[in-house]
Amino acid sequence: MSLAARLAALGTATIGEVASEARAIDLPLRALAPAAMAGPAITVRCRPGDNLALHRAIAAATAGDVLVVDYGGSVASGPFGEIMALACQLRGIAGMVIDGSVRDSTRIAALGFPVFCRGLNIRGTTKQDRGDVGAPVTLGGTHVRQGDFVIADADAIIVLPAGQAEAAATAGEARVAREDAMMDRLRAGETTLQILGLNEGDER
């Protein structure tokens, strides 16, 4: 299993527990449909109302990349839709996080392409501003550099320095093994107080 697949399977809650370097994107971004994804970031800065930079990023991306798009928090237009989602999918792009809106949400969800966004807007955009592709971006106070690992699911979107991703996956898998053992003990009749070694008087 690839590193990205391991991180996506573990999920943000587990990675957030084991990786002190994990940084959560503190924005109201939600998946268009239930999805989990992970991969190295390709960073994009788009001028609100223009999506040329997104087209450039899709062309530059490699299989497994996650588009991380600074759209300035604007929800006044939808710079990404079904055609671009299909283009991403055909290039093997793992998904997209955008601090902005998208369009064609039902069709993107039907494609199965993971998108985490701020909202929906059918208003179109121009294609004139080249923006920036590959430069650091900031989303919700979290700095994202090209190549940082992005893990996203229904709980959160977190970012890890590329050099910490393997260690986080290994630690996360160890945590999951411990939690699986705890759940086996719960099914066998023990209480969480007994498993965690807590005093009975601490129960509330």
N, C-alpha and C. Protein backbone atom coordinates (compact mmCIF):
# COMPACT_ATOMS: atom_id res chain seq x y z
N MET A 1 0.85 -1.20 0.00
CA MET A 1 0.00 0.00 0.00
C MET A 1 0.88 1.24 0.00
N SER A 2 0.53 2.23 -0.81
CA SER A 2 1.33 3.45 -0.89
C SER A 2 1.21 4.25 0.40
N LEU A 3 2.15 5.17 0.59
CA LEU A 3 2.11 6.03 1.77
C LEU A 3 0.82 6.84 1.79
N ALA A 4 0.41 7.38 0.65
CA ALA A 4 -0.82 8.17 0.60
C ALA A 4 -2.02 7.32 0.99
N ALA A 5 -2.09 6.09 0.48
CA ALA A 5 -3.22 5.21 0.81
C ALA A 5 -3.23 4.87 2.29
N ARG A 6 -2.06 4.66 2.87
CA ARG A 6 -1.97 4.37 4.30
C ARG A 6 -2.50 5.54 5.12
N LEU A 7 -2.10 6.75 4.77
CA LEU A 7 -2.54 7.93 5.50
C LEU A 7 -4.04 8.15 5.36
N ALA A 8 -4.58 7.97 4.14
CA ALA A 8 -6.01 8.15 3.92
C ALA A 8 -6.80 7.13 4.72
N ALA A 9 -6.31 5.89 4.78
CA ALA A 9 -7.01 4.84 5.51
C ALA A 9 -7.00 5.10 7.01
N LEU A 10 -5.91 5.67 7.51
CA LEU A 10 -5.83 5.97 8.95
C LEU A 10 -6.78 7.09 9.34
N GLY A 11 -6.91 8.11 8.51
CA GLY A 11 -7.81 9.22 8.78
C GLY A 11 -7.19 10.33 9.59
N THR A 12 -7.84 11.48 9.54
CA THR A 12 -7.28 12.67 10.17
C THR A 12 -7.26 12.59 11.69
N ALA A 13 -8.25 11.94 12.29
CA ALA A 13 -8.29 11.87 13.76
C ALA A 13 -7.08 11.11 14.29
N THR A 14 -6.76 9.99 13.65
CA THR A 14 -5.61 9.20 14.10
C THR A 14 -4.31 9.94 13.83
N ILE A 15 -4.15 10.48 12.63
CA ILE A 15 -2.91 11.19 12.30
C ILE A 15 -2.75 12.40 13.21
N GLY A 16 -3.85 13.09 13.49
CA GLY A 16 -3.77 14.25 14.37
C GLY A 16 -3.34 13.89 15.78
N GLU A 17 -3.66 12.68 16.23
CA GLU A 17 -3.26 12.23 17.56
C GLU A 17 -1.78 11.87 17.64
N VAL A 18 -1.25 11.29 16.58
CA VAL A 18 0.12 10.75 16.67
C VAL A 18 1.18 11.68 16.11
N ALA A 19 0.79 12.66 15.33
CA ALA A 19 1.78 13.53 14.66
C ALA A 19 1.70 14.94 15.22
N SER A 20 2.67 15.31 16.04
CA SER A 20 2.66 16.65 16.62
C SER A 20 2.83 17.72 15.55
N GLU A 21 3.38 17.34 14.39
CA GLU A 21 3.61 18.30 13.32
C GLU A 21 2.36 18.55 12.47
N ALA A 22 1.31 17.75 12.69
CA ALA A 22 0.08 17.89 11.89
C ALA A 22 -0.57 19.24 12.16
N ARG A 23 -0.98 19.92 11.10
CA ARG A 23 -1.61 21.23 11.22
C ARG A 23 -2.99 21.16 10.55
N ALA A 24 -4.01 21.53 11.30
CA ALA A 24 -5.37 21.50 10.77
C ALA A 24 -5.69 22.79 10.05
N ILE A 25 -6.36 22.67 8.91
CA ILE A 25 -6.84 23.85 8.18
C ILE A 25 -8.13 24.31 8.84
N ASP A 26 -8.08 25.45 9.50
CA ASP A 26 -9.20 25.94 10.30
C ASP A 26 -10.14 26.77 9.43
N LEU A 27 -10.85 26.08 8.56
CA LEU A 27 -11.83 26.72 7.68
C LEU A 27 -13.06 25.83 7.57
N PRO A 28 -14.22 26.40 7.26
CA PRO A 28 -15.43 25.59 7.10
C PRO A 28 -15.47 24.92 5.73
N LEU A 29 -14.50 24.05 5.46
CA LEU A 29 -14.45 23.33 4.18
C LEU A 29 -15.04 21.94 4.37
N ARG A 30 -15.90 21.55 3.45
CA ARG A 30 -16.58 20.26 3.57
C ARG A 30 -16.52 19.51 2.24
N ALA A 31 -16.54 18.19 2.34
CA ALA A 31 -16.52 17.36 1.14
C ALA A 31 -17.86 17.44 0.42
N LEU A 32 -17.80 17.43 -0.91
CA LEU A 32 -19.04 17.39 -1.70
C LEU A 32 -19.78 16.07 -1.47
N ALA A 33 -19.03 15.01 -1.26
CA ALA A 33 -19.59 13.69 -1.00
C ALA A 33 -18.64 12.98 -0.05
N PRO A 34 -19.08 11.96 0.67
CA PRO A 34 -18.17 11.26 1.57
C PRO A 34 -16.90 10.83 0.85
N ALA A 35 -15.77 11.22 1.40
CA ALA A 35 -14.50 10.95 0.73
C ALA A 35 -13.37 11.02 1.74
N ALA A 36 -12.31 10.30 1.45
CA ALA A 36 -11.06 10.41 2.19
C ALA A 36 -9.94 10.41 1.16
N MET A 37 -8.97 11.26 1.35
CA MET A 37 -7.88 11.35 0.38
C MET A 37 -6.61 11.77 1.09
N ALA A 38 -5.49 11.49 0.45
CA ALA A 38 -4.20 11.94 0.96
C ALA A 38 -3.24 11.99 -0.21
N GLY A 39 -2.29 12.90 -0.12
CA GLY A 39 -1.28 13.00 -1.16
C GLY A 39 -0.47 14.27 -1.01
N PRO A 40 0.62 14.39 -1.75
CA PRO A 40 1.43 15.60 -1.71
C PRO A 40 0.72 16.77 -2.38
N ALA A 41 0.88 17.93 -1.79
CA ALA A 41 0.18 19.12 -2.28
C ALA A 41 0.85 19.68 -3.52
N ILE A 42 0.01 20.09 -4.48
CA ILE A 42 0.44 21.02 -5.51
C ILE A 42 -0.33 22.31 -5.23
N THR A 43 0.37 23.34 -4.88
CA THR A 43 -0.25 24.56 -4.37
C THR A 43 -0.60 25.51 -5.51
N VAL A 44 -1.74 26.19 -5.33
CA VAL A 44 -2.27 27.08 -6.37
C VAL A 44 -2.82 28.33 -5.71
N ARG A 45 -2.48 29.48 -6.26
CA ARG A 45 -3.11 30.72 -5.82
C ARG A 45 -3.85 31.31 -7.01
N CYS A 46 -5.18 31.41 -6.88
CA CYS A 46 -6.05 31.94 -7.93
C CYS A 46 -6.59 33.29 -7.52
N ARG A 47 -6.64 34.20 -8.46
CA ARG A 47 -7.35 35.45 -8.19
C ARG A 47 -8.84 35.15 -8.21
N PRO A 48 -9.59 35.56 -7.19
CA PRO A 48 -11.03 35.32 -7.20
C PRO A 48 -11.66 35.85 -8.49
N GLY A 49 -12.49 35.02 -9.09
CA GLY A 49 -13.14 35.39 -10.34
C GLY A 49 -12.39 34.92 -11.57
N ASP A 50 -11.25 34.26 -11.38
CA ASP A 50 -10.45 33.79 -12.51
C ASP A 50 -9.91 32.39 -12.18
N ASN A 51 -9.92 31.49 -13.18
CA ASN A 51 -9.46 30.13 -12.89
C ASN A 51 -8.32 29.64 -13.78
N LEU A 52 -7.63 30.56 -14.45
CA LEU A 52 -6.52 30.14 -15.30
C LEU A 52 -5.46 29.39 -14.50
N ALA A 53 -5.17 29.83 -13.29
CA ALA A 53 -4.15 29.17 -12.47
C ALA A 53 -4.52 27.72 -12.19
N LEU A 54 -5.81 27.45 -12.02
CA LEU A 54 -6.24 26.08 -11.80
C LEU A 54 -5.99 25.21 -13.03
N HIS A 55 -6.29 25.74 -14.19
CA HIS A 55 -5.99 25.00 -15.42
C HIS A 55 -4.50 24.70 -15.53
N ARG A 56 -3.67 25.67 -15.18
CA ARG A 56 -2.22 25.49 -15.24
C ARG A 56 -1.78 24.41 -14.24
N ALA A 57 -2.37 24.44 -13.05
CA ALA A 57 -1.98 23.46 -12.02
C ALA A 57 -2.36 22.04 -12.42
N ILE A 58 -3.54 21.89 -13.00
CA ILE A 58 -3.96 20.56 -13.44
C ILE A 58 -3.00 20.01 -14.48
N ALA A 59 -2.58 20.87 -15.39
CA ALA A 59 -1.63 20.43 -16.42
C ALA A 59 -0.27 20.07 -15.83
N ALA A 60 0.11 20.74 -14.74
CA ALA A 60 1.43 20.52 -14.13
C ALA A 60 1.45 19.37 -13.13
N ALA A 61 0.28 18.97 -12.65
CA ALA A 61 0.20 17.98 -11.59
C ALA A 61 0.60 16.60 -12.09
N THR A 62 1.05 15.77 -11.15
CA THR A 62 1.35 14.37 -11.45
C THR A 62 0.40 13.48 -10.66
N ALA A 63 0.34 12.22 -11.03
CA ALA A 63 -0.58 11.28 -10.38
C ALA A 63 -0.33 11.25 -8.88
N GLY A 64 -1.41 11.30 -8.12
CA GLY A 64 -1.32 11.26 -6.66
C GLY A 64 -1.32 12.61 -5.99
N ASP A 65 -1.11 13.69 -6.74
CA ASP A 65 -1.08 15.03 -6.15
C ASP A 65 -2.47 15.44 -5.66
N VAL A 66 -2.47 16.34 -4.67
CA VAL A 66 -3.70 16.97 -4.19
C VAL A 66 -3.60 18.46 -4.49
N LEU A 67 -4.57 19.00 -5.22
CA LEU A 67 -4.61 20.44 -5.47
C LEU A 67 -5.02 21.16 -4.19
N VAL A 68 -4.21 22.13 -3.78
CA VAL A 68 -4.52 22.95 -2.61
C VAL A 68 -4.61 24.38 -3.11
N VAL A 69 -5.83 24.91 -3.13
CA VAL A 69 -6.11 26.15 -3.85
C VAL A 69 -6.51 27.27 -2.91
N ASP A 70 -5.72 28.33 -2.92
CA ASP A 70 -6.05 29.56 -2.22
C ASP A 70 -6.87 30.43 -3.17
N TYR A 71 -8.17 30.49 -2.93
CA TYR A 71 -9.07 31.30 -3.75
C TYR A 71 -9.53 32.53 -2.96
N GLY A 72 -8.76 32.83 -1.93
CA GLY A 72 -9.05 34.02 -1.15
C GLY A 72 -10.32 33.96 -0.32
N GLY A 73 -10.88 32.75 -0.17
CA GLY A 73 -12.12 32.62 0.59
C GLY A 73 -13.35 33.10 -0.15
N SER A 74 -13.20 33.46 -1.41
CA SER A 74 -14.33 33.99 -2.17
C SER A 74 -15.33 32.88 -2.50
N VAL A 75 -16.61 33.17 -2.28
CA VAL A 75 -17.67 32.26 -2.68
C VAL A 75 -18.57 32.89 -3.74
N ALA A 76 -18.05 33.92 -4.40
CA ALA A 76 -18.84 34.68 -5.38
C ALA A 76 -18.81 34.07 -6.77
N SER A 77 -18.02 33.01 -6.96
CA SER A 77 -17.96 32.34 -8.26
C SER A 77 -17.50 30.90 -8.03
N GLY A 78 -17.70 30.08 -9.07
CA GLY A 78 -17.29 28.68 -9.00
C GLY A 78 -16.22 28.38 -10.03
N PRO A 79 -14.95 28.42 -9.64
CA PRO A 79 -13.87 28.27 -10.61
C PRO A 79 -13.58 26.83 -11.04
N PHE A 80 -14.29 25.86 -10.46
CA PHE A 80 -14.00 24.45 -10.72
C PHE A 80 -15.31 23.70 -10.88
N GLY A 81 -15.40 22.89 -11.97
CA GLY A 81 -16.61 22.14 -12.21
C GLY A 81 -16.34 20.76 -12.78
N GLU A 82 -17.36 20.19 -13.40
CA GLU A 82 -17.29 18.80 -13.86
C GLU A 82 -16.15 18.55 -14.84
N ILE A 83 -15.97 19.43 -15.82
CA ILE A 83 -14.94 19.20 -16.83
C ILE A 83 -13.56 19.17 -16.19
N MET A 84 -13.31 20.12 -15.29
CA MET A 84 -12.00 20.15 -14.63
C MET A 84 -11.83 18.95 -13.71
N ALA A 85 -12.92 18.50 -13.07
CA ALA A 85 -12.82 17.32 -12.21
C ALA A 85 -12.46 16.09 -13.03
N LEU A 86 -13.07 15.96 -14.21
CA LEU A 86 -12.72 14.84 -15.08
C LEU A 86 -11.28 14.94 -15.54
N ALA A 87 -10.83 16.15 -15.88
CA ALA A 87 -9.43 16.33 -16.27
C ALA A 87 -8.49 15.90 -15.15
N CYS A 88 -8.83 16.26 -13.93
CA CYS A 88 -8.02 15.85 -12.77
C CYS A 88 -8.01 14.33 -12.64
N GLN A 89 -9.18 13.75 -12.72
CA GLN A 89 -9.30 12.30 -12.54
C GLN A 89 -8.48 11.55 -13.59
N LEU A 90 -8.53 12.00 -14.82
CA LEU A 90 -7.80 11.33 -15.89
C LEU A 90 -6.29 11.46 -15.72
N ARG A 91 -5.85 12.49 -15.04
CA ARG A 91 -4.42 12.67 -14.77
C ARG A 91 -3.99 11.98 -13.47
N GLY A 92 -4.93 11.38 -12.76
CA GLY A 92 -4.60 10.66 -11.54
C GLY A 92 -4.46 11.55 -10.32
N ILE A 93 -4.93 12.79 -10.41
CA ILE A 93 -4.89 13.70 -9.26
C ILE A 93 -5.81 13.14 -8.17
N ALA A 94 -5.32 13.17 -6.92
CA ALA A 94 -6.03 12.49 -5.83
C ALA A 94 -7.26 13.25 -5.34
N GLY A 95 -7.28 14.57 -5.49
CA GLY A 95 -8.41 15.36 -5.01
C GLY A 95 -8.04 16.82 -4.93
N MET A 96 -8.95 17.62 -4.38
CA MET A 96 -8.72 19.06 -4.29
C MET A 96 -9.28 19.62 -3.00
N VAL A 97 -8.55 20.57 -2.43
CA VAL A 97 -9.00 21.40 -1.31
C VAL A 97 -8.98 22.83 -1.82
N ILE A 98 -10.09 23.54 -1.71
CA ILE A 98 -10.15 24.92 -2.21
C ILE A 98 -10.87 25.81 -1.21
N ASP A 99 -10.24 26.93 -0.91
CA ASP A 99 -10.85 27.94 -0.05
C ASP A 99 -11.74 28.81 -0.93
N GLY A 100 -12.80 28.20 -1.43
CA GLY A 100 -13.71 28.88 -2.34
C GLY A 100 -14.83 27.93 -2.71
N SER A 101 -15.61 28.31 -3.70
CA SER A 101 -16.75 27.51 -4.13
C SER A 101 -16.43 26.72 -5.39
N VAL A 102 -17.27 25.75 -5.67
CA VAL A 102 -17.21 25.00 -6.93
C VAL A 102 -18.62 24.94 -7.51
N ARG A 103 -18.72 24.37 -8.71
CA ARG A 103 -20.01 24.19 -9.37
C ARG A 103 -20.13 22.74 -9.82
N ASP A 104 -21.28 22.35 -10.35
CA ASP A 104 -21.51 20.98 -10.83
C ASP A 104 -21.28 19.97 -9.71
N SER A 105 -21.72 20.27 -8.52
CA SER A 105 -21.39 19.45 -7.36
C SER A 105 -21.90 18.01 -7.49
N THR A 106 -23.13 17.84 -7.98
CA THR A 106 -23.69 16.50 -8.10
C THR A 106 -22.88 15.66 -9.09
N ARG A 107 -22.48 16.28 -10.19
CA ARG A 107 -21.73 15.55 -11.22
C ARG A 107 -20.31 15.25 -10.76
N ILE A 108 -19.70 16.17 -10.02
CA ILE A 108 -18.37 15.89 -9.47
C ILE A 108 -18.46 14.73 -8.49
N ALA A 109 -19.49 14.73 -7.65
CA ALA A 109 -19.67 13.64 -6.69
C ALA A 109 -19.88 12.32 -7.42
N ALA A 110 -20.64 12.35 -8.51
CA ALA A 110 -20.89 11.12 -9.28
C ALA A 110 -19.60 10.59 -9.90
N LEU A 111 -18.70 11.48 -10.26
CA LEU A 111 -17.40 11.04 -10.79
C LEU A 111 -16.56 10.34 -9.73
N GLY A 112 -16.84 10.67 -8.46
CA GLY A 112 -16.04 10.11 -7.38
C GLY A 112 -14.74 10.86 -7.15
N PHE A 113 -14.66 12.10 -7.65
CA PHE A 113 -13.45 12.89 -7.45
C PHE A 113 -13.59 13.69 -6.15
N PRO A 114 -12.70 13.46 -5.16
CA PRO A 114 -12.84 14.14 -3.86
C PRO A 114 -12.58 15.64 -3.95
N VAL A 115 -13.54 16.42 -3.51
CA VAL A 115 -13.40 17.88 -3.46
C VAL A 115 -13.85 18.35 -2.09
N PHE A 116 -13.00 19.15 -1.45
CA PHE A 116 -13.32 19.80 -0.18
C PHE A 116 -13.34 21.29 -0.44
N CYS A 117 -14.49 21.94 -0.18
CA CYS A 117 -14.64 23.33 -0.58
C CYS A 117 -15.45 24.11 0.45
N ARG A 118 -15.49 25.42 0.24
CA ARG A 118 -16.22 26.30 1.17
C ARG A 118 -17.70 26.37 0.83
N GLY A 119 -18.05 26.26 -0.46
CA GLY A 119 -19.45 26.40 -0.84
C GLY A 119 -19.67 26.09 -2.30
N LEU A 120 -20.85 26.48 -2.79
CA LEU A 120 -21.24 26.24 -4.18
C LEU A 120 -21.66 27.55 -4.83
N ASN A 121 -21.25 27.72 -6.09
CA ASN A 121 -21.69 28.89 -6.84
C ASN A 121 -21.58 28.57 -8.32
N ILE A 122 -22.67 28.79 -9.07
CA ILE A 122 -22.66 28.47 -10.50
C ILE A 122 -22.08 29.58 -11.36
N ARG A 123 -21.76 30.73 -10.77
CA ARG A 123 -21.23 31.84 -11.56
C ARG A 123 -19.86 31.48 -12.12
N GLY A 124 -19.66 31.74 -13.41
CA GLY A 124 -18.41 31.39 -14.08
C GLY A 124 -17.28 32.37 -13.80
N THR A 125 -16.12 32.10 -14.40
CA THR A 125 -14.92 32.90 -14.16
C THR A 125 -14.22 33.22 -15.48
N THR A 126 -13.32 34.18 -15.42
CA THR A 126 -12.47 34.49 -16.57
C THR A 126 -11.24 33.59 -16.54
N LYS A 127 -10.42 33.70 -17.59
CA LYS A 127 -9.19 32.91 -17.70
C LYS A 127 -8.08 33.82 -18.20
N GLN A 128 -7.72 34.76 -17.33
CA GLN A 128 -6.75 35.77 -17.73
C GLN A 128 -5.56 35.89 -16.78
N ASP A 129 -5.77 35.60 -15.52
CA ASP A 129 -4.72 35.79 -14.50
C ASP A 129 -3.99 34.48 -14.25
N ARG A 130 -2.68 34.46 -14.49
CA ARG A 130 -1.92 33.21 -14.36
C ARG A 130 -1.79 32.75 -12.91
N GLY A 131 -1.98 33.64 -11.97
CA GLY A 131 -1.86 33.27 -10.57
C GLY A 131 -0.49 32.70 -10.25
N ASP A 132 -0.44 31.82 -9.26
CA ASP A 132 0.81 31.16 -8.86
C ASP A 132 0.55 29.67 -8.72
N VAL A 133 1.46 28.88 -9.24
CA VAL A 133 1.42 27.43 -9.06
C VAL A 133 2.75 27.01 -8.47
N GLY A 134 2.70 26.37 -7.30
CA GLY A 134 3.92 25.89 -6.66
C GLY A 134 4.44 26.77 -5.54
N ALA A 135 3.91 27.99 -5.42
CA ALA A 135 4.33 28.87 -4.33
C ALA A 135 3.57 28.51 -3.06
N PRO A 136 4.14 28.76 -1.87
CA PRO A 136 3.41 28.48 -0.63
C PRO A 136 2.09 29.24 -0.57
N VAL A 137 1.08 28.62 0.03
CA VAL A 137 -0.22 29.26 0.21
C VAL A 137 -0.60 29.13 1.69
N THR A 138 -1.57 29.93 2.09
CA THR A 138 -2.07 29.88 3.46
C THR A 138 -3.58 29.72 3.42
N LEU A 139 -4.08 28.68 4.05
CA LEU A 139 -5.51 28.43 4.14
C LEU A 139 -5.87 28.30 5.61
N GLY A 140 -6.75 29.14 6.09
CA GLY A 140 -7.18 29.06 7.48
C GLY A 140 -6.04 29.16 8.46
N GLY A 141 -5.07 30.00 8.18
CA GLY A 141 -3.93 30.17 9.07
C GLY A 141 -2.89 29.07 8.96
N THR A 142 -3.11 28.09 8.09
CA THR A 142 -2.17 27.00 7.92
C THR A 142 -1.38 27.20 6.64
N HIS A 143 -0.05 27.22 6.79
CA HIS A 143 0.81 27.38 5.63
C HIS A 143 1.01 26.02 4.97
N VAL A 144 0.84 25.99 3.66
CA VAL A 144 1.00 24.75 2.90
C VAL A 144 2.05 24.99 1.83
N ARG A 145 3.07 24.14 1.84
CA ARG A 145 4.13 24.22 0.84
C ARG A 145 3.96 23.09 -0.16
N GLN A 146 4.44 23.34 -1.37
CA GLN A 146 4.43 22.29 -2.39
C GLN A 146 5.10 21.03 -1.82
N GLY A 147 4.43 19.89 -1.95
CA GLY A 147 5.00 18.64 -1.47
C GLY A 147 4.59 18.24 -0.07
N ASP A 148 4.05 19.19 0.73
CA ASP A 148 3.49 18.79 2.03
C ASP A 148 2.39 17.75 1.81
N PHE A 149 2.24 16.84 2.77
CA PHE A 149 1.18 15.85 2.63
C PHE A 149 -0.13 16.41 3.18
N VAL A 150 -1.19 16.25 2.41
CA VAL A 150 -2.53 16.68 2.81
C VAL A 150 -3.38 15.44 3.02
N ILE A 151 -4.04 15.36 4.18
CA ILE A 151 -4.95 14.26 4.48
C ILE A 151 -6.30 14.90 4.79
N ALA A 152 -7.35 14.42 4.13
CA ALA A 152 -8.67 15.03 4.30
C ALA A 152 -9.74 13.95 4.37
N ASP A 153 -10.70 14.15 5.27
CA ASP A 153 -11.86 13.27 5.35
C ASP A 153 -13.01 14.05 5.99
N ALA A 154 -14.05 13.36 6.42
CA ALA A 154 -15.22 14.04 6.97
C ALA A 154 -14.91 14.80 8.26
N ASP A 155 -13.85 14.41 8.96
CA ASP A 155 -13.53 15.06 10.24
C ASP A 155 -12.74 16.35 10.09
N ALA A 156 -11.79 16.37 9.16
CA ALA A 156 -10.87 17.50 9.10
C ALA A 156 -10.02 17.44 7.84
N ILE A 157 -9.25 18.50 7.65
CA ILE A 157 -8.20 18.54 6.63
C ILE A 157 -6.92 18.91 7.37
N ILE A 158 -5.91 18.04 7.30
CA ILE A 158 -4.67 18.32 7.99
C ILE A 158 -3.50 18.27 7.02
N VAL A 159 -2.43 18.93 7.42
CA VAL A 159 -1.23 19.05 6.59
C VAL A 159 -0.03 18.59 7.39
N LEU A 160 0.82 17.80 6.75
CA LEU A 160 2.04 17.29 7.36
C LEU A 160 3.24 17.66 6.51
N PRO A 161 4.34 18.07 7.11
CA PRO A 161 5.56 18.22 6.32
C PRO A 161 5.90 16.90 5.63
N ALA A 162 6.35 16.96 4.41
CA ALA A 162 6.60 15.75 3.64
C ALA A 162 7.51 14.77 4.38
N GLY A 163 8.52 15.30 5.07
CA GLY A 163 9.47 14.44 5.74
C GLY A 163 8.93 13.73 6.96
N GLN A 164 7.73 14.10 7.42
CA GLN A 164 7.13 13.49 8.60
C GLN A 164 6.03 12.49 8.26
N ALA A 165 5.70 12.37 6.99
CA ALA A 165 4.53 11.56 6.62
C ALA A 165 4.73 10.07 6.91
N GLU A 166 5.90 9.52 6.60
CA GLU A 166 6.15 8.10 6.83
C GLU A 166 6.09 7.76 8.31
N ALA A 167 6.72 8.58 9.15
CA ALA A 167 6.70 8.35 10.59
C ALA A 167 5.28 8.44 11.13
N ALA A 168 4.49 9.40 10.61
CA ALA A 168 3.10 9.54 11.06
C ALA A 168 2.29 8.31 10.69
N ALA A 169 2.50 7.77 9.50
CA ALA A 169 1.77 6.57 9.09
C ALA A 169 2.12 5.40 9.99
N THR A 170 3.39 5.23 10.28
CA THR A 170 3.82 4.12 11.13
C THR A 170 3.23 4.25 12.54
N ALA A 171 3.31 5.46 13.10
CA ALA A 171 2.75 5.68 14.44
C ALA A 171 1.24 5.51 14.44
N GLY A 172 0.59 5.97 13.37
CA GLY A 172 -0.86 5.83 13.27
C GLY A 172 -1.29 4.38 13.22
N GLU A 173 -0.56 3.56 12.47
CA GLU A 173 -0.89 2.14 12.38
C GLU A 173 -0.72 1.44 13.73
N ALA A 174 0.29 1.85 14.49
CA ALA A 174 0.47 1.29 15.82
C ALA A 174 -0.68 1.69 16.73
N ARG A 175 -1.14 2.92 16.60
CA ARG A 175 -2.27 3.38 17.43
C ARG A 175 -3.54 2.60 17.07
N VAL A 176 -3.77 2.40 15.79
CA VAL A 176 -4.95 1.65 15.36
C VAL A 176 -4.91 0.23 15.92
N ALA A 177 -3.74 -0.39 15.92
CA ALA A 177 -3.62 -1.75 16.47
C ALA A 177 -3.98 -1.76 17.95
N ARG A 178 -3.53 -0.75 18.69
CA ARG A 178 -3.87 -0.68 20.11
C ARG A 178 -5.37 -0.47 20.31
N GLU A 179 -5.96 0.38 19.49
CA GLU A 179 -7.39 0.65 19.62
C GLU A 179 -8.21 -0.58 19.23
N ASP A 180 -7.75 -1.33 18.23
CA ASP A 180 -8.45 -2.57 17.87
C ASP A 180 -8.45 -3.54 19.05
N ALA A 181 -7.31 -3.60 19.73
CA ALA A 181 -7.22 -4.50 20.90
C ALA A 181 -8.18 -4.03 22.00
N MET A 182 -8.27 -2.72 22.19
CA MET A 182 -9.21 -2.19 23.19
C MET A 182 -10.64 -2.55 22.84
N MET A 183 -11.00 -2.45 21.57
CA MET A 183 -12.37 -2.75 21.17
C MET A 183 -12.68 -4.24 21.32
N ASP A 184 -11.67 -5.07 21.10
CA ASP A 184 -11.86 -6.51 21.36
C ASP A 184 -12.16 -6.75 22.83
N ARG A 185 -11.47 -6.04 23.71
CA ARG A 185 -11.72 -6.20 25.14
C ARG A 185 -13.10 -5.67 25.53
N LEU A 186 -13.55 -4.58 24.88
CA LEU A 186 -14.90 -4.09 25.13
C LEU A 186 -15.93 -5.14 24.74
N ARG A 187 -15.75 -5.75 23.60
CA ARG A 187 -16.68 -6.78 23.14
C ARG A 187 -16.67 -8.00 24.06
N ALA A 188 -15.55 -8.21 24.74
CA ALA A 188 -15.44 -9.34 25.67
C ALA A 188 -16.05 -9.03 27.03
N GLY A 189 -16.51 -7.79 27.23
CA GLY A 189 -17.23 -7.46 28.44
C GLY A 189 -16.56 -6.47 29.37
N GLU A 190 -15.33 -6.08 29.11
CA GLU A 190 -14.66 -5.11 29.98
C GLU A 190 -15.23 -3.71 29.74
N THR A 191 -15.02 -2.83 30.71
CA THR A 191 -15.42 -1.44 30.57
C THR A 191 -14.20 -0.61 30.17
N THR A 192 -14.47 0.58 29.70
CA THR A 192 -13.35 1.49 29.37
C THR A 192 -12.57 1.85 30.63
N LEU A 193 -13.22 1.90 31.78
CA LEU A 193 -12.52 2.17 33.04
C LEU A 193 -11.49 1.08 33.31
N GLN A 194 -11.89 -0.16 33.12
CA GLN A 194 -10.96 -1.27 33.36
C GLN A 194 -9.82 -1.26 32.34
N ILE A 195 -10.15 -1.06 31.09
CA ILE A 195 -9.13 -1.10 30.04
C ILE A 195 -8.11 0.01 30.22
N LEU A 196 -8.57 1.18 30.60
CA LEU A 196 -7.68 2.35 30.73
C LEU A 196 -7.05 2.47 32.11
N GLY A 197 -7.42 1.56 33.02
CA GLY A 197 -6.85 1.60 34.35
C GLY A 197 -7.30 2.79 35.17
N LEU A 198 -8.53 3.22 34.96
CA LEU A 198 -9.06 4.37 35.69
C LEU A 198 -9.74 3.89 36.96
N ASN A 199 -9.77 4.74 37.96
CA ASN A 199 -10.43 4.39 39.20
C ASN A 199 -11.94 4.43 39.02
N GLU A 200 -12.63 3.47 39.65
CA GLU A 200 -14.08 3.43 39.54
C GLU A 200 -14.70 4.73 40.01
N GLY A 201 -14.07 5.38 40.98
CA GLY A 201 -14.61 6.64 41.49
C GLY A 201 -14.53 7.77 40.50
N ASP A 202 -13.77 7.57 39.40
CA ASP A 202 -13.66 8.63 38.39
C ASP A 202 -14.82 8.61 37.42
N GLU A 203 -15.65 7.55 37.47
CA GLU A 203 -16.74 7.43 36.51
C GLU A 203 -17.77 8.52 36.77
N ARG A 204 -18.28 9.10 35.71
CA ARG A 204 -19.30 10.17 35.81
C ARG A 204 -20.59 9.73 35.12
